[in-house]
C-alpha atoms as a PDB file:
ATOM      1  CA  MET A   1      82.609 112.889 -40.086  1.00  0.00           C
ATOM      2  CA  SER A   2      80.198 114.904 -38.548  1.00  0.00           C
ATOM      3  CA  ARG A   3      76.933 113.917 -37.382  1.00  0.00           C
ATOM      4  CA  PRO A   4      74.029 114.149 -39.982  1.00  0.00           C
ATOM      5  CA  ALA A   5      71.405 117.047 -39.035  1.00  0.00           C
ATOM      6  CA  ALA A   6      67.688 116.285 -39.269  1.00  0.00           C
ATOM      7  CA  GLU A   7      64.727 118.337 -38.977  1.00  0.00           C
ATOM      8  CA  LEU A   8      61.503 116.795 -37.214  1.00  0.00           C
ATOM      9  CA  VAL A   9      58.158 118.688 -37.852  1.00  0.00           C
ATOM     10  CA  THR A  10      55.001 117.985 -36.412  1.00  0.00           C
ATOM     11  CA  THR A  11      51.792 120.358 -36.107  1.00  0.00           C
ATOM     12  CA  VAL A  12      49.626 120.713 -33.378  1.00  0.00           C
ATOM     13  CA  PRO A  13      46.265 122.233 -32.266  1.00  0.00           C
ATOM     14  CA  ASP A  14      47.331 125.064 -30.111  1.00  0.00           C
ATOM     15  CA  PRO A  15      50.589 127.145 -29.732  1.00  0.00           C
ATOM     16  CA  ASP A  16      50.821 126.177 -26.094  1.00  0.00           C
ATOM     17  CA  LEU A  17      51.123 122.559 -26.702  1.00  0.00           C
ATOM     18  CA  GLY A  18      53.938 123.578 -29.467  1.00  0.00           C
ATOM     19  CA  LYS A  19      55.965 125.294 -27.041  1.00  0.00           C
ATOM     20  CA  SER A  20      55.622 122.277 -24.305  1.00  0.00           C
ATOM     21  CA  ILE A  21      56.763 119.731 -26.688  1.00  0.00           C
ATOM     22  CA  GLY A  22      59.606 122.056 -27.997  1.00  0.00           C
ATOM     23  CA  ARG A  23      60.834 122.937 -24.118  1.00  0.00           C
ATOM     24  CA  ALA A  24      60.376 119.425 -23.591  1.00  0.00           C
ATOM     25  CA  ALA A  25      62.935 118.091 -26.533  1.00  0.00           C
ATOM     26  CA  VAL A  26      65.001 120.947 -25.799  1.00  0.00           C
ATOM     27  CA  GLU A  27      65.372 120.183 -22.011  1.00  0.00           C
ATOM     28  CA  ALA A  28      65.767 116.452 -22.855  1.00  0.00           C
ATOM     29  CA  GLY A  29      68.639 116.975 -25.188  1.00  0.00           C
ATOM     30  CA  LEU A  30      67.020 115.891 -28.358  1.00  0.00           C
ATOM     31  CA  ALA A  31      67.102 118.800 -30.131  1.00  0.00           C
ATOM     32  CA  ALA A  32      69.015 122.354 -30.047  1.00  0.00           C
ATOM     33  CA  CYS A  33      65.701 124.445 -30.339  1.00  0.00           C
ATOM     34  CA  ALA A  34      62.166 124.616 -31.724  1.00  0.00           C
ATOM     35  CA  GLN A  35      60.167 126.821 -33.674  1.00  0.00           C
ATOM     36  CA  VAL A  36      56.803 127.339 -33.486  1.00  0.00           C
ATOM     37  CA  ASP A  37      54.878 129.264 -35.900  1.00  0.00           C
ATOM     38  CA  GLY A  38      51.611 129.536 -37.199  1.00  0.00           C
ATOM     39  CA  PRO A  39      48.212 129.602 -37.193  1.00  0.00           C
ATOM     40  CA  ILE A  40      48.556 127.260 -40.654  1.00  0.00           C
ATOM     41  CA  THR A  41      45.498 126.071 -42.138  1.00  0.00           C
ATOM     42  CA  SER A  42      45.418 122.277 -42.515  1.00  0.00           C
ATOM     43  CA  VAL A  43      43.286 120.571 -45.017  1.00  0.00           C
ATOM     44  CA  TYR A  44      43.496 116.288 -45.011  1.00  0.00           C
ATOM     45  CA  SER A  45      41.543 113.611 -45.341  1.00  0.00           C
ATOM     46  CA  TRP A  46      40.519 112.016 -42.181  1.00  0.00           C
ATOM     47  CA  LYS A  47      37.900 108.914 -41.411  1.00  0.00           C
ATOM     48  CA  GLY A  48      36.262 109.518 -45.156  1.00  0.00           C
ATOM     49  CA  GLY A  49      35.652 112.992 -45.137  1.00  0.00           C
ATOM     50  CA  ILE A  50      38.010 116.105 -45.803  1.00  0.00           C
ATOM     51  CA  GLU A  51      38.753 118.347 -42.533  1.00  0.00           C
ATOM     52  CA  ALA A  52      40.080 121.588 -42.195  1.00  0.00           C
ATOM     53  CA  ALA A  53      41.869 122.774 -39.200  1.00  0.00           C
ATOM     54  CA  ALA A  54      43.746 125.653 -37.493  1.00  0.00           C
ATOM     55  CA  GLU A  55      47.140 124.292 -36.219  1.00  0.00           C
ATOM     56  CA  TRP A  56      50.719 125.435 -35.248  1.00  0.00           C
ATOM     57  CA  ARG A  57      54.068 124.023 -36.876  1.00  0.00           C
ATOM     58  CA  VAL A  58      56.330 122.498 -35.111  1.00  0.00           C
ATOM     59  CA  ARG A  59      59.875 122.460 -36.313  1.00  0.00           C
ATOM     60  CA  LEU A  60      62.960 120.840 -34.023  1.00  0.00           C
ATOM     61  CA  LYS A  61      66.697 120.925 -35.065  1.00  0.00           C
ATOM     62  CA  THR A  62      68.220 117.503 -34.020  1.00  0.00           C
ATOM     63  CA  PHE A  63      70.720 115.047 -35.098  1.00  0.00           C
ATOM     64  CA  LEU A  64      69.417 111.851 -36.965  1.00  0.00           C
ATOM     65  CA  ASP A  65      70.671 109.426 -35.049  1.00  0.00           C
ATOM     66  CA  LEU A  66      68.207 111.138 -32.030  1.00  0.00           C
ATOM     67  CA  THR A  67      65.191 111.187 -34.649  1.00  0.00           C
ATOM     68  CA  PRO A  68      63.822 107.390 -33.247  1.00  0.00           C
ATOM     69  CA  GLU A  69      63.754 109.281 -29.479  1.00  0.00           C
ATOM     70  CA  LEU A  70      62.724 112.347 -30.561  1.00  0.00           C
ATOM     71  CA  GLU A  71      59.531 111.073 -32.497  1.00  0.00           C
ATOM     72  CA  ALA A  72      58.725 109.081 -29.149  1.00  0.00           C
ATOM     73  CA  LEU A  73      59.151 112.187 -27.235  1.00  0.00           C
ATOM     74  CA  VAL A  74      56.634 114.012 -29.598  1.00  0.00           C
ATOM     75  CA  LYS A  75      54.307 111.311 -30.106  1.00  0.00           C
ATOM     76  CA  SER A  76      53.944 110.738 -26.019  1.00  0.00           C
ATOM     77  CA  ARG A  77      52.641 114.494 -26.078  1.00  0.00           C
ATOM     78  CA  HIS A  78      50.832 114.522 -29.037  1.00  0.00           C
ATOM     79  CA  PRO A  79      46.731 114.355 -28.602  1.00  0.00           C
ATOM     80  CA  TYR A  80      46.341 113.148 -32.236  1.00  0.00           C
ATOM     81  CA  GLU A  81      45.743 109.877 -33.242  1.00  0.00           C
ATOM     82  CA  VAL A  82      47.936 110.022 -36.027  1.00  0.00           C
ATOM     83  CA  PRO A  83      50.036 112.894 -35.562  1.00  0.00           C
ATOM     84  CA  GLU A  84      51.700 114.616 -38.314  1.00  0.00           C
ATOM     85  CA  ILE A  85      55.587 113.524 -37.947  1.00  0.00           C
ATOM     86  CA  VAL A  86      58.109 114.457 -40.983  1.00  0.00           C
ATOM     87  CA  ILE A  87      61.635 114.007 -40.281  1.00  0.00           C
ATOM     88  CA  SER A  88      64.369 115.461 -43.318  1.00  0.00           C
ATOM     89  CA  ASN A  89      67.800 115.428 -43.567  1.00  0.00           C
ATOM     90  CA  ILE A  90      69.486 118.974 -43.254  1.00  0.00           C
ATOM     91  CA  THR A  91      72.085 118.938 -46.312  1.00  0.00           C
ATOM     92  CA  ALA A  92      73.953 121.932 -44.965  1.00  0.00           C
ATOM     93  CA  LEU A  93      74.271 123.716 -41.819  1.00  0.00           C
ATOM     94  CA  SER A  94      76.586 126.925 -41.259  1.00  0.00           C
ATOM     95  CA  GLY A  95      79.966 125.986 -39.364  1.00  0.00           C
ATOM     96  CA  ASP A  96      78.633 128.022 -36.324  1.00  0.00           C
ATOM     97  CA  TYR A  97      75.604 126.744 -35.931  1.00  0.00           C
ATOM     98  CA  ARG A  98      76.473 123.104 -36.625  1.00  0.00           C
ATOM     99  CA  ALA A  99      78.777 123.682 -33.224  1.00  0.00           C
ATOM    100  CA  TRP A 100      76.380 125.001 -31.324  1.00  0.00           C
ATOM    101  CA  MET A 101      74.137 122.544 -32.128  1.00  0.00           C
ATOM    102  CA  GLU A 102      76.812 119.749 -31.409  1.00  0.00           C
ATOM    103  CA  GLU A 103      77.349 121.673 -27.997  1.00  0.00           C
ATOM    104  CA  VAL A 104      73.661 121.601 -26.602  1.00  0.00           C
ATOM    105  CA  ILE A 105      72.436 118.329 -27.875  1.00  0.00           C
ATOM    106  CA  ARG A 106      73.573 115.145 -26.037  1.00  0.00           C
ATOM    107  CA  HIS A 107      75.816 113.268 -27.629  1.00  0.00           C
END
């Protein structure tokens, strides 16, 4: 049976930080790739008020068994007190993409 794939998504305050987190995850063998897109506008409740901020979204493709370690890496480099970290199962991948992920992500 193949390893379940996952995507970890976070947001950061600037694109350079997003690229830095993505590069660190890929270099550590915890993610096959990172995609940084934005800016996006986030509206959220924080400490009794409503805030809005420009952010960049970072999407990291990985395997589910590596998400605890990937989450720890993201948190260690993240400036937010409570960073958004959303982990979703990927229900389907093309065979070629899965084979590439298996090749580049550590086992």
